[in-house]
């Protein structure tokens, strides 16, 4: 009996060890965030200061606190939704043949509309023969209701919300003050655990003057699992900021930055051909920059909250160099939706 009991304990220990190894492998399978690069060069030396009245969005991120826990969300591409998307817009049998594989997308077109579906399931749809003369009479609320009805019928995840309405206008060349609203775009963004998701995770539905769906831009991934993970402390994130390890925006002649707000939010990268494996927590720093000439400028930075030891680096280049499939190149520039920034800032 004693030998049997010891054997049972050993089995428990072995099982626990196996579980820990598996969990560690899962953590190490998180692709490091590939933050976008901006044209402006960052200043070589910046004096970062914390505003005495700095606002922390979360008690966990005050200076000196030990590492706390947050969540990552495992995601998968929506490539299995291709047939549903084609049927949604009535473009069965309209596939355009002969597109180079390197483009990373397929195109469907008839006399009325055009649809581009990337290999990961993100897509751009728009109608042809648009009315460029009639003014939009529908209110923002009208357009929101039409767009909501469309996305609810087509299984947009429940963690998306309306993030505002923007207008597409036409301005007279001879009379710049004379402009008319032609269409309205209803923006849907993601929110997880009550926090906004930055980066690329959105659906934009454009409503035409007659209340029809004029265009749709969809870029997000489906969540398959939520997993807890230890994150960097505020001090560690601040050190990364000072070392320019993240996505940082300020004027290139900035000398001093006054940090007024620090938040824990999320980041999703669902641009076509993204190799992101998870939606991840990030620190968002915001405040004012002070330039050499004494003028103020906007400051904003996103710093990965998941420790580098828990991630692996993704090489975005294909074997042999070149541009990854599905990326925007000169050859397929026409598929980029006009006026859509790659990394929008959600409105809270």
C-alpha atoms as a PDB file:
ATOM      1  CA  UNK A   1       0.000   0.000   0.000  1.00  0.00           C
ATOM      2  CA  UNK A   2       2.835   2.403   0.863  1.00  0.00           C
ATOM      3  CA  UNK A   3       4.538   1.719  -2.490  1.00  0.00           C
ATOM      4  CA  UNK A   4       1.250   2.309  -4.294  1.00  0.00           C
ATOM      5  CA  UNK A   5       0.740   5.614  -2.431  1.00  0.00           C
ATOM      6  CA  UNK A   6       4.269   6.825  -3.351  1.00  0.00           C
ATOM      7  CA  UNK A   7       3.635   5.857  -6.954  1.00  0.00           C
ATOM      8  CA  UNK A   8       0.384   7.848  -6.912  1.00  0.00           C
ATOM      9  CA  UNK A   9       2.183  10.954  -5.546  1.00  0.00           C
ATOM     10  CA  UNK A  10       4.889  10.610  -8.209  1.00  0.00           C
ATOM     11  CA  UNK A  11       2.222  10.481 -10.885  1.00  0.00           C
ATOM     12  CA  UNK A  12       0.682  13.716  -9.553  1.00  0.00           C
ATOM     13  CA  UNK A  13       4.097  15.449  -9.523  1.00  0.00           C
ATOM     14  CA  UNK A  14       4.823  14.263 -13.057  1.00  0.00           C
ATOM     15  CA  UNK A  15       1.419  15.423 -14.263  1.00  0.00           C
ATOM     16  CA  UNK A  16       1.903  18.836 -12.639  1.00  0.00           C
ATOM     17  CA  UNK A  17       5.354  19.233 -14.184  1.00  0.00           C
ATOM     18  CA  UNK A  18       3.958  18.327 -17.576  1.00  0.00           C
ATOM     19  CA  UNK A  19       1.202  20.928 -17.159  1.00  0.00           C
ATOM     20  CA  UNK A  20       3.738  23.594 -16.235  1.00  0.00           C
ATOM     21  CA  UNK A  21       5.894  22.799 -19.246  1.00  0.00           C
ATOM     22  CA  UNK A  22       2.867  22.953 -21.542  1.00  0.00           C
ATOM     23  CA  UNK A  23       1.784  26.285 -20.075  1.00  0.00           C
ATOM     24  CA  UNK A  24       5.301  27.708 -20.525  1.00  0.00           C
ATOM     25  CA  UNK A  25       5.343  26.593 -24.164  1.00  0.00           C
ATOM     26  CA  UNK A  26       1.992  28.356 -24.685  1.00  0.00           C
ATOM     27  CA  UNK A  27       3.400  31.556 -23.212  1.00  0.00           C
ATOM     28  CA  UNK A  28       6.492  31.317 -25.436  1.00  0.00           C
ATOM     29  CA  UNK A  29       4.264  30.922 -28.487  1.00  0.00           C
ATOM     30  CA  UNK A  30       3.174  34.575 -28.315  1.00  0.00           C
ATOM     31  CA  UNK A  31       4.444  36.532 -31.307  1.00  0.00           C
ATOM     32  CA  UNK A  32       6.059  39.810 -30.273  1.00  0.00           C
ATOM     33  CA  UNK A  33       4.104  42.885 -31.361  1.00  0.00           C
ATOM     34  CA  UNK A  34       5.369  44.261 -34.646  1.00  0.00           C
ATOM     35  CA  UNK A  35       4.667  47.940 -34.046  1.00  0.00           C
ATOM     36  CA  UNK A  36       4.476  50.113 -37.190  1.00  0.00           C
ATOM     37  CA  UNK A  37       7.249  52.553 -37.999  1.00  0.00           C
ATOM     38  CA  UNK A  38       6.581  56.210 -38.730  1.00  0.00           C
ATOM     39  CA  UNK A  39       8.460  58.550 -41.030  1.00  0.00           C
ATOM     40  CA  UNK A  40       9.472  61.104 -38.409  1.00  0.00           C
ATOM     41  CA  UNK A  41      12.735  60.329 -36.653  1.00  0.00           C
ATOM     42  CA  UNK A  42      12.650  60.205 -32.875  1.00  0.00           C
ATOM     43  CA  UNK A  43      14.852  62.687 -31.000  1.00  0.00           C
ATOM     44  CA  UNK A  44      18.081  61.173 -29.678  1.00  0.00           C
ATOM     45  CA  UNK A  45      17.628  62.493 -26.153  1.00  0.00           C
ATOM     46  CA  UNK A  46      14.353  63.177 -24.388  1.00  0.00           C
ATOM     47  CA  UNK A  47      13.826  64.077 -20.761  1.00  0.00           C
ATOM     48  CA  UNK A  48      10.763  62.089 -19.628  1.00  0.00           C
ATOM     49  CA  UNK A  49       8.946  63.483 -16.613  1.00  0.00           C
ATOM     50  CA  UNK A  50       5.885  62.222 -14.754  1.00  0.00           C
ATOM     51  CA  UNK A  51       3.232  64.869 -14.163  1.00  0.00           C
ATOM     52  CA  UNK A  52       2.500  65.196 -10.398  1.00  0.00           C
ATOM     53  CA  UNK A  53      -1.186  64.703 -11.213  1.00  0.00           C
ATOM     54  CA  UNK A  54      -0.619  61.809 -13.614  1.00  0.00           C
ATOM     55  CA  UNK A  55      -3.678  59.610 -14.122  1.00  0.00           C
ATOM     56  CA  UNK A  56      -3.267  55.842 -13.917  1.00  0.00           C
ATOM     57  CA  UNK A  57      -6.098  53.845 -15.457  1.00  0.00           C
ATOM     58  CA  UNK A  58      -5.374  50.937 -13.155  1.00  0.00           C
ATOM     59  CA  UNK A  59      -4.096  50.514  -9.598  1.00  0.00           C
ATOM     60  CA  UNK A  60      -1.732  47.803 -10.837  1.00  0.00           C
ATOM     61  CA  UNK A  61       0.502  50.178 -12.765  1.00  0.00           C
ATOM     62  CA  UNK A  62       1.697  52.604 -10.136  1.00  0.00           C
ATOM     63  CA  UNK A  63       5.458  53.029  -9.901  1.00  0.00           C
ATOM     64  CA  UNK A  64       7.171  50.447  -7.711  1.00  0.00           C
ATOM     65  CA  UNK A  65       4.429  47.824  -7.877  1.00  0.00           C
ATOM     66  CA  UNK A  66       5.467  44.231  -8.490  1.00  0.00           C
ATOM     67  CA  UNK A  67       4.567  42.540 -11.751  1.00  0.00           C
ATOM     68  CA  UNK A  68       0.837  41.882 -12.028  1.00  0.00           C
ATOM     69  CA  UNK A  69      -1.333  39.712 -14.213  1.00  0.00           C
ATOM     70  CA  UNK A  70      -3.378  40.529 -17.281  1.00  0.00           C
ATOM     71  CA  UNK A  71      -4.662  38.508 -20.235  1.00  0.00           C
ATOM     72  CA  UNK A  72      -3.691  37.678 -23.772  1.00  0.00           C
ATOM     73  CA  UNK A  73      -6.285  36.532 -26.298  1.00  0.00           C
ATOM     74  CA  UNK A  74      -5.302  33.848 -28.771  1.00  0.00           C
ATOM     75  CA  UNK A  75      -6.643  34.662 -32.241  1.00  0.00           C
ATOM     76  CA  UNK A  76      -7.048  32.922 -35.557  1.00  0.00           C
ATOM     77  CA  UNK A  77      -7.473  34.256 -39.072  1.00  0.00           C
ATOM     78  CA  UNK A  78     -10.954  34.293 -40.585  1.00  0.00           C
ATOM     79  CA  UNK A  79      -9.864  32.529 -43.782  1.00  0.00           C
ATOM     80  CA  UNK A  80     -12.642  29.945 -43.268  1.00  0.00           C
ATOM     81  CA  UNK A  81     -15.224  32.724 -43.775  1.00  0.00           C
ATOM     82  CA  UNK A  82     -14.340  33.374 -47.446  1.00  0.00           C
ATOM     83  CA  UNK A  83     -17.364  31.589 -48.925  1.00  0.00           C
ATOM     84  CA  UNK A  84     -19.724  33.366 -46.494  1.00  0.00           C
ATOM     85  CA  UNK A  85     -18.272  36.750 -47.484  1.00  0.00           C
ATOM     86  CA  UNK A  86     -18.673  36.042 -51.208  1.00  0.00           C
ATOM     87  CA  UNK A  87     -22.302  35.008 -50.685  1.00  0.00           C
ATOM     88  CA  UNK A  88     -22.964  38.041 -48.481  1.00  0.00           C
ATOM     89  CA  UNK A  89     -22.311  40.380 -51.403  1.00  0.00           C
ATOM     90  CA  UNK A  90     -23.819  38.113 -54.086  1.00  0.00           C
ATOM     91  CA  UNK A  91     -20.536  37.599 -55.941  1.00  0.00           C
ATOM     92  CA  UNK A  92     -20.545  33.817 -56.385  1.00  0.00           C
ATOM     93  CA  UNK A  93     -18.912  32.856 -59.670  1.00  0.00           C
ATOM     94  CA  UNK A  94     -17.310  36.290 -60.096  1.00  0.00           C
ATOM     95  CA  UNK A  95     -13.723  35.454 -59.155  1.00  0.00           C
ATOM     96  CA  UNK A  96     -11.082  37.285 -61.162  1.00  0.00           C
ATOM     97  CA  UNK A  97      -8.529  34.814 -62.483  1.00  0.00           C
ATOM     98  CA  UNK A  98      -4.819  35.318 -63.073  1.00  0.00           C
ATOM     99  CA  UNK A  99      -3.886  37.375 -60.017  1.00  0.00           C
ATOM    100  CA  UNK A 100      -0.271  36.757 -58.924  1.00  0.00           C
ATOM    101  CA  UNK A 101      -0.089  34.654 -55.755  1.00  0.00           C
ATOM    102  CA  UNK A 102       2.278  37.179 -54.165  1.00  0.00           C
ATOM    103  CA  UNK A 103      -0.603  39.645 -53.849  1.00  0.00           C
ATOM    104  CA  UNK A 104      -2.079  37.445 -51.127  1.00  0.00           C
ATOM    105  CA  UNK A 105      -5.710  38.085 -52.009  1.00  0.00           C
ATOM    106  CA  UNK A 106      -8.484  37.118 -54.393  1.00  0.00           C
ATOM    107  CA  UNK A 107     -10.756  39.523 -56.222  1.00  0.00           C
ATOM    108  CA  UNK A 108     -14.447  39.169 -57.119  1.00  0.00           C
ATOM    109  CA  UNK A 109     -16.146  41.625 -59.422  1.00  0.00           C
ATOM    110  CA  UNK A 110     -19.293  42.219 -61.446  1.00  0.00           C
ATOM    111  CA  UNK A 111     -20.794  45.273 -63.123  1.00  0.00           C
ATOM    112  CA  UNK A 112     -22.102  46.632 -59.787  1.00  0.00           C
ATOM    113  CA  UNK A 113     -19.435  45.939 -57.171  1.00  0.00           C
ATOM    114  CA  UNK A 114     -15.932  44.777 -56.323  1.00  0.00           C
ATOM    115  CA  UNK A 115     -14.711  42.619 -53.444  1.00  0.00           C
ATOM    116  CA  UNK A 116     -11.149  41.874 -52.357  1.00  0.00           C
ATOM    117  CA  UNK A 117     -10.643  39.070 -49.804  1.00  0.00           C
ATOM    118  CA  UNK A 118      -7.204  38.581 -48.302  1.00  0.00           C
ATOM    119  CA  UNK A 119      -5.857  35.175 -47.416  1.00  0.00           C
ATOM    120  CA  UNK A 120      -6.508  35.863 -43.721  1.00  0.00           C
ATOM    121  CA  UNK A 121     -10.209  36.677 -44.250  1.00  0.00           C
ATOM    122  CA  UNK A 122     -10.024  40.468 -44.019  1.00  0.00           C
ATOM    123  CA  UNK A 123     -11.779  42.143 -46.925  1.00  0.00           C
ATOM    124  CA  UNK A 124     -12.663  45.349 -48.745  1.00  0.00           C
ATOM    125  CA  UNK A 125     -15.978  45.700 -50.584  1.00  0.00           C
ATOM    126  CA  UNK A 126     -17.355  48.671 -52.490  1.00  0.00           C
ATOM    127  CA  UNK A 127     -20.077  49.448 -54.977  1.00  0.00           C
ATOM    128  CA  UNK A 128     -19.315  50.914 -58.376  1.00  0.00           C
ATOM    129  CA  UNK A 129     -21.190  53.725 -60.100  1.00  0.00           C
ATOM    130  CA  UNK A 130     -21.470  55.794 -56.931  1.00  0.00           C
ATOM    131  CA  UNK A 131     -23.669  58.877 -56.738  1.00  0.00           C
ATOM    132  CA  UNK A 132     -21.299  61.830 -56.521  1.00  0.00           C
ATOM    133  CA  UNK A 133     -23.942  64.564 -56.709  1.00  0.00           C
ATOM    134  CA  UNK A 134     -26.782  63.914 -54.257  1.00  0.00           C
ATOM    135  CA  UNK A 135     -26.336  65.190 -50.704  1.00  0.00           C
ATOM    136  CA  UNK A 136     -26.739  62.792 -47.780  1.00  0.00           C
ATOM    137  CA  UNK A 137     -29.962  63.426 -45.862  1.00  0.00           C
ATOM    138  CA  UNK A 138     -29.719  60.543 -43.355  1.00  0.00           C
ATOM    139  CA  UNK A 139     -28.751  61.412 -39.778  1.00  0.00           C
ATOM    140  CA  UNK A 140     -25.840  59.796 -37.962  1.00  0.00           C
ATOM    141  CA  UNK A 141     -28.336  57.772 -35.923  1.00  0.00           C
ATOM    142  CA  UNK A 142     -30.013  56.531 -39.110  1.00  0.00           C
ATOM    143  CA  UNK A 143     -26.667  55.356 -40.475  1.00  0.00           C
ATOM    144  CA  UNK A 144     -25.667  53.706 -37.191  1.00  0.00           C
ATOM    145  CA  UNK A 145     -28.915  51.717 -37.132  1.00  0.00           C
ATOM    146  CA  UNK A 146     -28.447  50.580 -40.744  1.00  0.00           C
ATOM    147  CA  UNK A 147     -24.823  49.581 -40.092  1.00  0.00           C
ATOM    148  CA  UNK A 148     -25.697  47.794 -36.830  1.00  0.00           C
ATOM    149  CA  UNK A 149     -28.400  45.809 -38.589  1.00  0.00           C
ATOM    150  CA  UNK A 150     -25.875  44.791 -41.258  1.00  0.00           C
ATOM    151  CA  UNK A 151     -23.135  43.647 -38.863  1.00  0.00           C
ATOM    152  CA  UNK A 152     -25.526  41.878 -36.487  1.00  0.00           C
ATOM    153  CA  UNK A 153     -26.901  39.842 -39.359  1.00  0.00           C
ATOM    154  CA  UNK A 154     -23.374  38.946 -40.378  1.00  0.00           C
ATOM    155  CA  UNK A 155     -21.910  37.780 -37.067  1.00  0.00           C
ATOM    156  CA  UNK A 156     -19.676  40.636 -36.001  1.00  0.00           C
ATOM    157  CA  UNK A 157     -18.308  39.652 -32.562  1.00  0.00           C
ATOM    158  CA  UNK A 158     -20.176  41.109 -29.592  1.00  0.00           C
ATOM    159  CA  UNK A 159     -17.021  42.807 -28.264  1.00  0.00           C
ATOM    160  CA  UNK A 160     -17.253  45.463 -31.015  1.00  0.00           C
ATOM    161  CA  UNK A 161     -18.909  48.823 -30.448  1.00  0.00           C
ATOM    162  CA  UNK A 162     -19.765  51.922 -32.497  1.00  0.00           C
ATOM    163  CA  UNK A 163     -16.824  54.301 -32.318  1.00  0.00           C
ATOM    164  CA  UNK A 164     -18.364  57.222 -34.158  1.00  0.00           C
ATOM    165  CA  UNK A 165     -19.469  58.354 -37.610  1.00  0.00           C
ATOM    166  CA  UNK A 166     -17.291  60.111 -40.170  1.00  0.00           C
ATOM    167  CA  UNK A 167     -18.393  61.887 -43.336  1.00  0.00           C
ATOM    168  CA  UNK A 168     -17.261  61.538 -46.918  1.00  0.00           C
ATOM    169  CA  UNK A 169     -17.628  64.947 -48.531  1.00  0.00           C
ATOM    170  CA  UNK A 170     -17.277  66.568 -51.938  1.00  0.00           C
ATOM    171  CA  UNK A 171     -15.906  70.095 -52.109  1.00  0.00           C
ATOM    172  CA  UNK A 172     -16.187  72.464 -55.038  1.00  0.00           C
ATOM    173  CA  UNK A 173     -12.857  73.396 -56.621  1.00  0.00           C
ATOM    174  CA  UNK A 174     -14.106  76.881 -57.529  1.00  0.00           C
ATOM    175  CA  UNK A 175     -15.778  77.421 -54.145  1.00  0.00           C
ATOM    176  CA  UNK A 176     -13.842  75.653 -51.345  1.00  0.00           C
ATOM    177  CA  UNK A 177     -16.449  76.588 -48.740  1.00  0.00           C
ATOM    178  CA  UNK A 178     -19.150  74.842 -50.739  1.00  0.00           C
ATOM    179  CA  UNK A 179     -19.124  71.165 -49.777  1.00  0.00           C
ATOM    180  CA  UNK A 180     -21.713  68.425 -49.468  1.00  0.00           C
ATOM    181  CA  UNK A 181     -21.842  65.150 -47.520  1.00  0.00           C
ATOM    182  CA  UNK A 182     -22.123  62.204 -49.915  1.00  0.00           C
ATOM    183  CA  UNK A 183     -21.765  59.196 -47.631  1.00  0.00           C
ATOM    184  CA  UNK A 184     -21.279  58.370 -43.947  1.00  0.00           C
ATOM    185  CA  UNK A 185     -18.913  55.806 -42.453  1.00  0.00           C
ATOM    186  CA  UNK A 186     -19.895  53.996 -39.253  1.00  0.00           C
ATOM    187  CA  UNK A 187     -16.788  52.812 -37.378  1.00  0.00           C
ATOM    188  CA  UNK A 188     -16.831  49.681 -35.237  1.00  0.00           C
ATOM    189  CA  UNK A 189     -13.929  49.051 -32.858  1.00  0.00           C
ATOM    190  CA  UNK A 190     -13.163  46.364 -30.303  1.00  0.00           C
ATOM    191  CA  UNK A 191     -13.228  46.509 -26.513  1.00  0.00           C
ATOM    192  CA  UNK A 192     -12.061  43.652 -24.250  1.00  0.00           C
ATOM    193  CA  UNK A 193     -12.448  43.474 -20.474  1.00  0.00           C
ATOM    194  CA  UNK A 194     -13.803  47.016 -20.654  1.00  0.00           C
ATOM    195  CA  UNK A 195     -10.603  48.357 -22.283  1.00  0.00           C
ATOM    196  CA  UNK A 196     -10.183  49.663 -25.846  1.00  0.00           C
ATOM    197  CA  UNK A 197      -8.231  47.648 -28.404  1.00  0.00           C
ATOM    198  CA  UNK A 198      -5.759  49.770 -30.381  1.00  0.00           C
ATOM    199  CA  UNK A 199      -3.857  48.825 -33.534  1.00  0.00           C
ATOM    200  CA  UNK A 200      -5.948  47.236 -36.274  1.00  0.00           C
ATOM    201  CA  UNK A 201      -9.230  45.631 -35.242  1.00  0.00           C
ATOM    202  CA  UNK A 202     -12.204  47.202 -36.928  1.00  0.00           C
ATOM    203  CA  UNK A 203     -15.066  47.132 -39.357  1.00  0.00           C
ATOM    204  CA  UNK A 204     -16.054  50.280 -41.251  1.00  0.00           C
ATOM    205  CA  UNK A 205     -19.474  50.298 -42.924  1.00  0.00           C
ATOM    206  CA  UNK A 206     -20.223  53.122 -45.353  1.00  0.00           C
ATOM    207  CA  UNK A 207     -23.845  54.109 -45.953  1.00  0.00           C
ATOM    208  CA  UNK A 208     -24.910  55.752 -49.225  1.00  0.00           C
ATOM    209  CA  UNK A 209     -27.486  58.515 -49.711  1.00  0.00           C
ATOM    210  CA  UNK A 210     -30.284  55.969 -50.330  1.00  0.00           C
ATOM    211  CA  UNK A 211     -29.551  54.061 -47.116  1.00  0.00           C
ATOM    212  CA  UNK A 212     -27.768  51.162 -48.823  1.00  0.00           C
ATOM    213  CA  UNK A 213     -24.429  49.572 -47.908  1.00  0.00           C
ATOM    214  CA  UNK A 214     -21.930  51.393 -50.128  1.00  0.00           C
ATOM    215  CA  UNK A 215     -18.700  49.833 -48.866  1.00  0.00           C
ATOM    216  CA  UNK A 216     -17.345  47.634 -46.077  1.00  0.00           C
ATOM    217  CA  UNK A 217     -13.815  47.384 -44.737  1.00  0.00           C
ATOM    218  CA  UNK A 218     -13.247  44.485 -42.329  1.00  0.00           C
ATOM    219  CA  UNK A 219      -9.999  43.644 -40.506  1.00  0.00           C
ATOM    220  CA  UNK A 220     -10.096  41.629 -37.295  1.00  0.00           C
ATOM    221  CA  UNK A 221      -9.499  38.075 -36.087  1.00  0.00           C
ATOM    222  CA  UNK A 222     -11.598  35.644 -34.121  1.00  0.00           C
ATOM    223  CA  UNK A 223     -10.678  35.029 -30.469  1.00  0.00           C
ATOM    224  CA  UNK A 224     -10.279  31.362 -29.603  1.00  0.00           C
ATOM    225  CA  UNK A 225      -8.940  31.539 -26.029  1.00  0.00           C
ATOM    226  CA  UNK A 226      -8.271  33.990 -23.186  1.00  0.00           C
ATOM    227  CA  UNK A 227      -5.135  33.247 -21.147  1.00  0.00           C
ATOM    228  CA  UNK A 228      -3.682  34.919 -18.021  1.00  0.00           C
ATOM    229  CA  UNK A 229      -0.100  36.184 -18.167  1.00  0.00           C
ATOM    230  CA  UNK A 230       2.347  38.112 -15.983  1.00  0.00           C
ATOM    231  CA  UNK A 231       3.095  41.549 -17.385  1.00  0.00           C
ATOM    232  CA  UNK A 232       5.850  44.123 -17.029  1.00  0.00           C
ATOM    233  CA  UNK A 233       5.726  46.616 -14.186  1.00  0.00           C
ATOM    234  CA  UNK A 234       5.176  50.297 -14.866  1.00  0.00           C
ATOM    235  CA  UNK A 235       8.868  50.954 -14.169  1.00  0.00           C
ATOM    236  CA  UNK A 236       9.926  48.319 -16.695  1.00  0.00           C
ATOM    237  CA  UNK A 237       7.591  49.793 -19.300  1.00  0.00           C
ATOM    238  CA  UNK A 238       8.930  53.289 -18.580  1.00  0.00           C
ATOM    239  CA  UNK A 239      12.477  52.021 -19.138  1.00  0.00           C
ATOM    240  CA  UNK A 240      11.402  50.555 -22.486  1.00  0.00           C
ATOM    241  CA  UNK A 241       9.891  53.919 -23.392  1.00  0.00           C
ATOM    242  CA  UNK A 242      13.128  55.723 -22.601  1.00  0.00           C
ATOM    243  CA  UNK A 243      14.989  53.184 -24.763  1.00  0.00           C
ATOM    244  CA  UNK A 244      12.547  53.700 -27.675  1.00  0.00           C
ATOM    245  CA  UNK A 245      11.285  50.131 -27.450  1.00  0.00           C
ATOM    246  CA  UNK A 246       7.749  50.505 -28.719  1.00  0.00           C
ATOM    247  CA  UNK A 247       5.627  52.731 -30.934  1.00  0.00           C
ATOM    248  CA  UNK A 248       6.369  56.345 -29.996  1.00  0.00           C
ATOM    249  CA  UNK A 249       4.948  59.471 -31.603  1.00  0.00           C
ATOM    250  CA  UNK A 250       6.259  62.975 -30.986  1.00  0.00           C
ATOM    251  CA  UNK A 251       7.875  65.764 -33.012  1.00  0.00           C
ATOM    252  CA  UNK A 252      11.512  65.077 -33.851  1.00  0.00           C
ATOM    253  CA  UNK A 253      12.717  68.240 -32.096  1.00  0.00           C
ATOM    254  CA  UNK A 254      11.010  67.354 -28.787  1.00  0.00           C
ATOM    255  CA  UNK A 255      13.250  67.898 -25.770  1.00  0.00           C
ATOM    256  CA  UNK A 256      10.972  67.133 -22.815  1.00  0.00           C
ATOM    257  CA  UNK A 257       7.920  64.938 -22.383  1.00  0.00           C
ATOM    258  CA  UNK A 258       5.456  65.358 -19.540  1.00  0.00           C
ATOM    259  CA  UNK A 259       3.534  62.097 -19.063  1.00  0.00           C
ATOM    260  CA  UNK A 260      -0.005  62.869 -17.943  1.00  0.00           C
ATOM    261  CA  UNK A 261      -1.735  59.531 -18.366  1.00  0.00           C
ATOM    262  CA  UNK A 262      -0.740  55.866 -18.252  1.00  0.00           C
ATOM    263  CA  UNK A 263      -3.186  53.138 -19.235  1.00  0.00           C
ATOM    264  CA  UNK A 264      -3.246  49.392 -19.666  1.00  0.00           C
ATOM    265  CA  UNK A 265      -5.082  48.715 -22.930  1.00  0.00           C
ATOM    266  CA  UNK A 266      -4.898  46.057 -25.660  1.00  0.00           C
ATOM    267  CA  UNK A 267      -3.269  45.837 -29.072  1.00  0.00           C
ATOM    268  CA  UNK A 268      -4.420  43.817 -32.066  1.00  0.00           C
ATOM    269  CA  UNK A 269      -2.626  43.644 -35.382  1.00  0.00           C
ATOM    270  CA  UNK A 270      -4.988  42.271 -38.027  1.00  0.00           C
ATOM    271  CA  UNK A 271      -3.594  43.898 -41.139  1.00  0.00           C
ATOM    272  CA  UNK A 272      -3.436  41.418 -44.035  1.00  0.00           C
ATOM    273  CA  UNK A 273      -0.613  38.909 -43.629  1.00  0.00           C
ATOM    274  CA  UNK A 274      -0.032  39.816 -39.989  1.00  0.00           C
ATOM    275  CA  UNK A 275       1.666  36.996 -38.133  1.00  0.00           C
ATOM    276  CA  UNK A 276       0.242  38.091 -34.787  1.00  0.00           C
ATOM    277  CA  UNK A 277      -0.866  35.186 -32.618  1.00  0.00           C
ATOM    278  CA  UNK A 278      -2.529  37.098 -29.785  1.00  0.00           C
ATOM    279  CA  UNK A 279      -4.246  40.319 -28.799  1.00  0.00           C
ATOM    280  CA  UNK A 280      -1.898  41.601 -26.095  1.00  0.00           C
ATOM    281  CA  UNK A 281      -1.905  44.128 -23.251  1.00  0.00           C
ATOM    282  CA  UNK A 282       0.155  47.275 -23.848  1.00  0.00           C
ATOM    283  CA  UNK A 283       1.006  50.342 -21.819  1.00  0.00           C
ATOM    284  CA  UNK A 284      -0.290  53.541 -23.391  1.00  0.00           C
ATOM    285  CA  UNK A 285       1.568  56.687 -22.325  1.00  0.00           C
ATOM    286  CA  UNK A 286       0.174  60.068 -23.314  1.00  0.00           C
ATOM    287  CA  UNK A 287       0.879  63.682 -22.488  1.00  0.00           C
ATOM    288  CA  UNK A 288       2.641  66.766 -23.836  1.00  0.00           C
ATOM    289  CA  UNK A 289       5.960  67.215 -25.563  1.00  0.00           C
ATOM    290  CA  UNK A 290       7.932  70.427 -25.276  1.00  0.00           C
ATOM    291  CA  UNK A 291      10.029  71.377 -28.295  1.00  0.00           C
ATOM    292  CA  UNK A 292      13.230  73.356 -28.642  1.00  0.00           C
ATOM    293  CA  UNK A 293      11.318  76.486 -29.629  1.00  0.00           C
ATOM    294  CA  UNK A 294       9.163  76.225 -26.509  1.00  0.00           C
ATOM    295  CA  UNK A 295       6.047  75.046 -28.349  1.00  0.00           C
ATOM    296  CA  UNK A 296       4.031  72.042 -27.249  1.00  0.00           C
ATOM    297  CA  UNK A 297       3.364  68.933 -29.319  1.00  0.00           C
ATOM    298  CA  UNK A 298       1.311  65.779 -28.841  1.00  0.00           C
ATOM    299  CA  UNK A 299       2.967  62.758 -27.291  1.00  0.00           C
ATOM    300  CA  UNK A 300       1.711  59.182 -27.349  1.00  0.00           C
ATOM    301  CA  UNK A 301       3.474  55.841 -26.956  1.00  0.00           C
ATOM    302  CA  UNK A 302       2.534  52.172 -26.890  1.00  0.00           C
ATOM    303  CA  UNK A 303       4.855  49.796 -25.047  1.00  0.00           C
ATOM    304  CA  UNK A 304       4.391  46.015 -25.006  1.00  0.00           C
ATOM    305  CA  UNK A 305       3.317  44.799 -21.558  1.00  0.00           C
ATOM    306  CA  UNK A 306       4.171  41.145 -22.160  1.00  0.00           C
ATOM    307  CA  UNK A 307       7.822  40.496 -21.227  1.00  0.00           C
ATOM    308  CA  UNK A 308      10.139  39.684 -24.142  1.00  0.00           C
ATOM    309  CA  UNK A 309      10.985  36.393 -22.407  1.00  0.00           C
ATOM    310  CA  UNK A 310       7.416  35.275 -23.066  1.00  0.00           C
ATOM    311  CA  UNK A 311       7.449  36.104 -26.777  1.00  0.00           C
ATOM    312  CA  UNK A 312       9.272  35.251 -29.970  1.00  0.00           C
ATOM    313  CA  UNK A 313      10.280  37.635 -32.752  1.00  0.00           C
ATOM    314  CA  UNK A 314       8.509  37.275 -36.078  1.00  0.00           C
ATOM    315  CA  UNK A 315      10.493  37.952 -39.228  1.00  0.00           C
ATOM    316  CA  UNK A 316       7.989  39.702 -41.478  1.00  0.00           C
ATOM    317  CA  UNK A 317      10.076  39.119 -44.596  1.00  0.00           C
ATOM    318  CA  UNK A 318       9.502  36.085 -46.768  1.00  0.00           C
ATOM    319  CA  UNK A 319      12.401  33.700 -47.498  1.00  0.00           C
ATOM    320  CA  UNK A 320      14.663  35.397 -50.020  1.00  0.00           C
ATOM    321  CA  UNK A 321      13.490  38.896 -49.082  1.00  0.00           C
ATOM    322  CA  UNK A 322      10.740  40.913 -50.696  1.00  0.00           C
ATOM    323  CA  UNK A 323       7.383  42.005 -49.364  1.00  0.00           C
ATOM    324  CA  UNK A 324       5.082  39.682 -47.381  1.00  0.00           C
ATOM    325  CA  UNK A 325       1.941  38.430 -49.091  1.00  0.00           C
ATOM    326  CA  UNK A 326      -1.056  40.654 -48.635  1.00  0.00           C
ATOM    327  CA  UNK A 327       0.903  43.779 -47.820  1.00  0.00           C
ATOM    328  CA  UNK A 328       0.127  47.021 -49.599  1.00  0.00           C
ATOM    329  CA  UNK A 329       2.564  47.498 -52.469  1.00  0.00           C
ATOM    330  CA  UNK A 330       2.652  49.783 -55.489  1.00  0.00           C
ATOM    331  CA  UNK A 331       1.151  46.947 -57.511  1.00  0.00           C
ATOM    332  CA  UNK A 332      -1.961  46.546 -55.364  1.00  0.00           C
ATOM    333  CA  UNK A 333      -2.218  50.014 -53.825  1.00  0.00           C
ATOM    334  CA  UNK A 334      -5.717  50.442 -55.274  1.00  0.00           C
ATOM    335  CA  UNK A 335      -7.189  48.023 -52.744  1.00  0.00           C
ATOM    336  CA  UNK A 336      -6.277  50.175 -49.742  1.00  0.00           C
ATOM    337  CA  UNK A 337      -9.462  51.890 -48.522  1.00  0.00           C
ATOM    338  CA  UNK A 338      -8.970  55.632 -48.861  1.00  0.00           C
ATOM    339  CA  UNK A 339      -8.830  57.746 -45.742  1.00  0.00           C
ATOM    340  CA  UNK A 340      -8.433  54.782 -43.366  1.00  0.00           C
ATOM    341  CA  UNK A 341      -5.400  55.142 -41.080  1.00  0.00           C
ATOM    342  CA  UNK A 342      -3.625  51.854 -40.427  1.00  0.00           C
ATOM    343  CA  UNK A 343      -3.546  52.372 -36.668  1.00  0.00           C
ATOM    344  CA  UNK A 344      -6.524  54.459 -35.504  1.00  0.00           C
ATOM    345  CA  UNK A 345      -7.007  55.666 -31.968  1.00  0.00           C
ATOM    346  CA  UNK A 346     -10.343  54.558 -30.511  1.00  0.00           C
ATOM    347  CA  UNK A 347     -12.557  57.225 -28.989  1.00  0.00           C
ATOM    348  CA  UNK A 348     -13.513  56.365 -25.449  1.00  0.00           C
END
